[in-house]
Amino acid sequence: MAIKLPPHSLFLLLVLLLSAAWMPPKASAQLRTCSVELDPSGCTVQDCVAKCASQFNGVGECAHQEYVNNFHCVCLYACL
């Protein structure tokens, strides 16, 4: 003899099973983003991007220094 469940119970059971199946696997190590200042005296976008990519395999950005009128090169890269 089969057990008969109401339709709303079947729907909730289906949602629970699908949500468990679609959960991404947990990563063993969390990646963090680190930053380093490459050139404090000035920044050109092309040089900053190239230097950061070659030295750290990261993304270089020209950032504005607070209370100073120039930009500096900051490199953002993945670190453990």
N, C-alpha and C. Protein backbone atom coordinates (compact mmCIF):
# COMPACT_ATOMS: atom_id res chain seq x y z
N MET A 1 0.84 -1.18 0.00
CA MET A 1 0.00 0.00 0.00
C MET A 1 0.89 1.25 0.00
N ALA A 2 0.67 2.14 -0.91
CA ALA A 2 1.47 3.36 -1.05
C ALA A 2 0.94 4.45 -0.13
N ILE A 3 1.87 5.29 0.32
CA ILE A 3 1.51 6.42 1.18
C ILE A 3 1.13 7.59 0.28
N LYS A 4 0.00 8.17 0.52
CA LYS A 4 -0.49 9.30 -0.27
C LYS A 4 -0.17 10.59 0.49
N LEU A 5 0.60 11.52 -0.13
CA LEU A 5 0.94 12.81 0.47
C LEU A 5 0.16 13.92 -0.22
N PRO A 6 -0.21 14.94 0.52
CA PRO A 6 -0.89 16.09 -0.10
C PRO A 6 0.04 16.78 -1.11
N PRO A 7 -0.49 17.45 -2.12
CA PRO A 7 0.33 18.10 -3.16
C PRO A 7 1.34 19.11 -2.60
N HIS A 8 0.96 19.87 -1.58
CA HIS A 8 1.89 20.87 -1.06
C HIS A 8 3.06 20.20 -0.36
N SER A 9 2.86 19.04 0.23
CA SER A 9 3.97 18.31 0.86
C SER A 9 4.93 17.78 -0.19
N LEU A 10 4.39 17.30 -1.29
CA LEU A 10 5.25 16.84 -2.38
C LEU A 10 6.07 17.97 -2.96
N PHE A 11 5.45 19.13 -3.09
CA PHE A 11 6.16 20.30 -3.62
C PHE A 11 7.31 20.69 -2.69
N LEU A 12 7.07 20.73 -1.39
CA LEU A 12 8.12 21.09 -0.43
C LEU A 12 9.24 20.05 -0.42
N LEU A 13 8.90 18.79 -0.55
CA LEU A 13 9.91 17.74 -0.61
C LEU A 13 10.76 17.89 -1.87
N LEU A 14 10.13 18.20 -2.97
CA LEU A 14 10.86 18.40 -4.22
C LEU A 14 11.80 19.60 -4.12
N VAL A 15 11.34 20.69 -3.54
CA VAL A 15 12.19 21.88 -3.36
C VAL A 15 13.38 21.56 -2.48
N LEU A 16 13.17 20.83 -1.41
CA LEU A 16 14.26 20.45 -0.51
C LEU A 16 15.29 19.59 -1.23
N LEU A 17 14.85 18.60 -1.98
CA LEU A 17 15.77 17.74 -2.69
C LEU A 17 16.56 18.48 -3.76
N LEU A 18 15.88 19.36 -4.50
CA LEU A 18 16.58 20.13 -5.54
C LEU A 18 17.57 21.12 -4.97
N SER A 19 17.22 21.75 -3.86
CA SER A 19 18.15 22.71 -3.26
C SER A 19 19.39 22.00 -2.73
N ALA A 20 19.24 20.81 -2.21
CA ALA A 20 20.41 20.05 -1.74
C ALA A 20 21.27 19.60 -2.92
N ALA A 21 20.65 19.26 -4.02
CA ALA A 21 21.40 18.80 -5.20
C ALA A 21 22.16 19.95 -5.86
N TRP A 22 21.64 21.16 -5.80
CA TRP A 22 22.27 22.29 -6.48
C TRP A 22 23.24 23.07 -5.61
N MET A 23 23.48 22.63 -4.39
CA MET A 23 24.42 23.35 -3.53
C MET A 23 25.84 23.17 -4.06
N PRO A 24 26.62 24.25 -4.16
CA PRO A 24 27.98 24.12 -4.66
C PRO A 24 28.85 23.42 -3.63
N PRO A 25 29.88 22.71 -4.09
CA PRO A 25 30.78 22.05 -3.13
C PRO A 25 31.58 23.09 -2.35
N LYS A 26 31.89 22.76 -1.12
CA LYS A 26 32.67 23.69 -0.30
C LYS A 26 34.13 23.64 -0.70
N ALA A 27 34.74 24.79 -0.74
CA ALA A 27 36.17 24.87 -1.06
C ALA A 27 36.97 24.60 0.20
N SER A 28 38.11 23.95 0.00
CA SER A 28 38.92 23.61 1.16
C SER A 28 39.71 24.82 1.68
N ALA A 29 40.09 25.71 0.80
CA ALA A 29 40.84 26.89 1.21
C ALA A 29 40.13 28.13 0.68
N GLN A 30 39.93 29.11 1.52
CA GLN A 30 39.29 30.36 1.12
C GLN A 30 40.34 31.28 0.49
N LEU A 31 40.04 31.80 -0.70
CA LEU A 31 40.93 32.76 -1.33
C LEU A 31 40.68 34.14 -0.76
N ARG A 32 41.74 34.82 -0.46
CA ARG A 32 41.63 36.20 0.01
C ARG A 32 42.26 37.10 -1.04
N THR A 33 41.88 38.35 -1.00
CA THR A 33 42.48 39.33 -1.89
C THR A 33 43.49 40.15 -1.10
N CYS A 34 44.71 40.16 -1.58
CA CYS A 34 45.76 40.96 -0.95
C CYS A 34 46.08 42.13 -1.87
N SER A 35 46.71 43.13 -1.31
CA SER A 35 47.10 44.29 -2.12
C SER A 35 48.50 44.73 -1.74
N VAL A 36 49.18 45.30 -2.71
CA VAL A 36 50.51 45.84 -2.50
C VAL A 36 50.63 47.11 -3.34
N GLU A 37 51.31 48.08 -2.78
CA GLU A 37 51.54 49.34 -3.51
C GLU A 37 52.81 49.18 -4.34
N LEU A 38 52.67 49.32 -5.66
CA LEU A 38 53.81 49.12 -6.55
C LEU A 38 54.58 50.40 -6.82
N ASP A 39 53.89 51.51 -6.98
CA ASP A 39 54.57 52.77 -7.30
C ASP A 39 53.89 53.90 -6.54
N PRO A 40 54.48 54.37 -5.43
CA PRO A 40 53.84 55.41 -4.63
C PRO A 40 53.95 56.81 -5.23
N SER A 41 54.83 57.00 -6.19
CA SER A 41 55.09 58.35 -6.68
C SER A 41 54.17 58.79 -7.81
N GLY A 42 53.60 57.86 -8.53
CA GLY A 42 52.73 58.22 -9.65
C GLY A 42 52.17 56.97 -10.29
N CYS A 43 51.27 57.15 -11.25
CA CYS A 43 50.63 55.98 -11.84
C CYS A 43 50.18 56.28 -13.25
N THR A 44 50.56 55.40 -14.17
CA THR A 44 49.95 55.34 -15.48
C THR A 44 49.25 53.99 -15.57
N VAL A 45 48.06 53.98 -16.09
CA VAL A 45 47.23 52.77 -16.07
C VAL A 45 47.92 51.60 -16.78
N GLN A 46 48.49 51.85 -17.96
CA GLN A 46 49.11 50.78 -18.73
C GLN A 46 50.28 50.15 -17.97
N ASP A 47 51.14 50.98 -17.38
CA ASP A 47 52.29 50.47 -16.64
C ASP A 47 51.86 49.73 -15.38
N CYS A 48 50.87 50.25 -14.69
CA CYS A 48 50.40 49.65 -13.46
C CYS A 48 49.80 48.27 -13.72
N VAL A 49 48.95 48.18 -14.74
CA VAL A 49 48.31 46.91 -15.09
C VAL A 49 49.36 45.88 -15.51
N ALA A 50 50.32 46.29 -16.33
CA ALA A 50 51.35 45.38 -16.82
C ALA A 50 52.25 44.89 -15.69
N LYS A 51 52.67 45.80 -14.83
CA LYS A 51 53.57 45.44 -13.74
C LYS A 51 52.89 44.50 -12.75
N CYS A 52 51.65 44.76 -12.43
CA CYS A 52 50.91 43.92 -11.50
C CYS A 52 50.67 42.52 -12.08
N ALA A 53 50.33 42.46 -13.35
CA ALA A 53 50.09 41.17 -14.00
C ALA A 53 51.35 40.34 -14.06
N SER A 54 52.49 40.96 -14.36
CA SER A 54 53.73 40.21 -14.49
C SER A 54 54.32 39.80 -13.13
N GLN A 55 54.21 40.64 -12.12
CA GLN A 55 54.81 40.33 -10.82
C GLN A 55 53.93 39.48 -9.91
N PHE A 56 52.60 39.72 -9.94
CA PHE A 56 51.72 39.06 -8.98
C PHE A 56 50.56 38.29 -9.64
N ASN A 57 50.48 38.32 -10.98
CA ASN A 57 49.34 37.75 -11.69
C ASN A 57 48.03 38.33 -11.16
N GLY A 58 48.03 39.64 -10.95
CA GLY A 58 46.88 40.32 -10.37
C GLY A 58 46.37 41.43 -11.26
N VAL A 59 45.57 42.31 -10.65
CA VAL A 59 44.94 43.42 -11.36
C VAL A 59 45.49 44.73 -10.78
N GLY A 60 46.09 45.55 -11.61
CA GLY A 60 46.64 46.82 -11.18
C GLY A 60 45.65 47.95 -11.37
N GLU A 61 45.60 48.85 -10.39
CA GLU A 61 44.70 49.99 -10.45
C GLU A 61 45.42 51.24 -9.97
N CYS A 62 45.09 52.36 -10.58
CA CYS A 62 45.59 53.66 -10.11
C CYS A 62 44.62 54.16 -9.05
N ALA A 63 45.13 54.37 -7.86
CA ALA A 63 44.28 54.80 -6.75
C ALA A 63 44.72 56.18 -6.28
N HIS A 64 43.77 56.97 -5.83
CA HIS A 64 44.05 58.32 -5.34
C HIS A 64 44.44 58.26 -3.88
N GLN A 65 45.52 58.94 -3.55
CA GLN A 65 45.93 59.02 -2.16
C GLN A 65 45.18 60.15 -1.48
N GLU A 66 44.74 59.88 -0.27
CA GLU A 66 44.01 60.91 0.49
C GLU A 66 44.97 62.03 0.88
N TYR A 67 44.54 63.25 0.72
CA TYR A 67 45.29 64.48 1.05
C TYR A 67 46.52 64.69 0.17
N VAL A 68 46.63 63.96 -0.94
CA VAL A 68 47.75 64.13 -1.86
C VAL A 68 47.16 64.26 -3.26
N ASN A 69 47.80 65.02 -4.11
CA ASN A 69 47.24 65.30 -5.44
C ASN A 69 47.64 64.29 -6.51
N ASN A 70 48.34 63.22 -6.17
CA ASN A 70 48.72 62.28 -7.21
C ASN A 70 48.12 60.89 -6.96
N PHE A 71 48.26 60.03 -7.95
CA PHE A 71 47.76 58.67 -7.87
C PHE A 71 48.93 57.72 -7.64
N HIS A 72 48.65 56.54 -7.09
CA HIS A 72 49.67 55.53 -6.93
C HIS A 72 49.15 54.20 -7.46
N CYS A 73 50.07 53.30 -7.84
CA CYS A 73 49.70 52.01 -8.40
C CYS A 73 49.48 51.00 -7.28
N VAL A 74 48.30 50.41 -7.26
CA VAL A 74 47.97 49.38 -6.27
C VAL A 74 47.66 48.11 -7.02
N CYS A 75 48.26 47.00 -6.57
CA CYS A 75 48.06 45.71 -7.20
C CYS A 75 47.19 44.83 -6.29
N LEU A 76 46.11 44.29 -6.83
CA LEU A 76 45.22 43.37 -6.10
C LEU A 76 45.43 41.98 -6.67
N TYR A 77 45.71 41.01 -5.78
CA TYR A 77 45.99 39.65 -6.24
C TYR A 77 45.45 38.64 -5.23
N ALA A 78 45.28 37.40 -5.68
CA ALA A 78 44.74 36.33 -4.83
C ALA A 78 45.86 35.78 -3.96
N CYS A 79 45.60 35.69 -2.67
CA CYS A 79 46.57 35.12 -1.74
C CYS A 79 45.86 34.15 -0.81
N LEU A 80 46.58 33.25 -0.20
CA LEU A 80 45.98 32.28 0.72
C LEU A 80 46.09 32.73 2.14
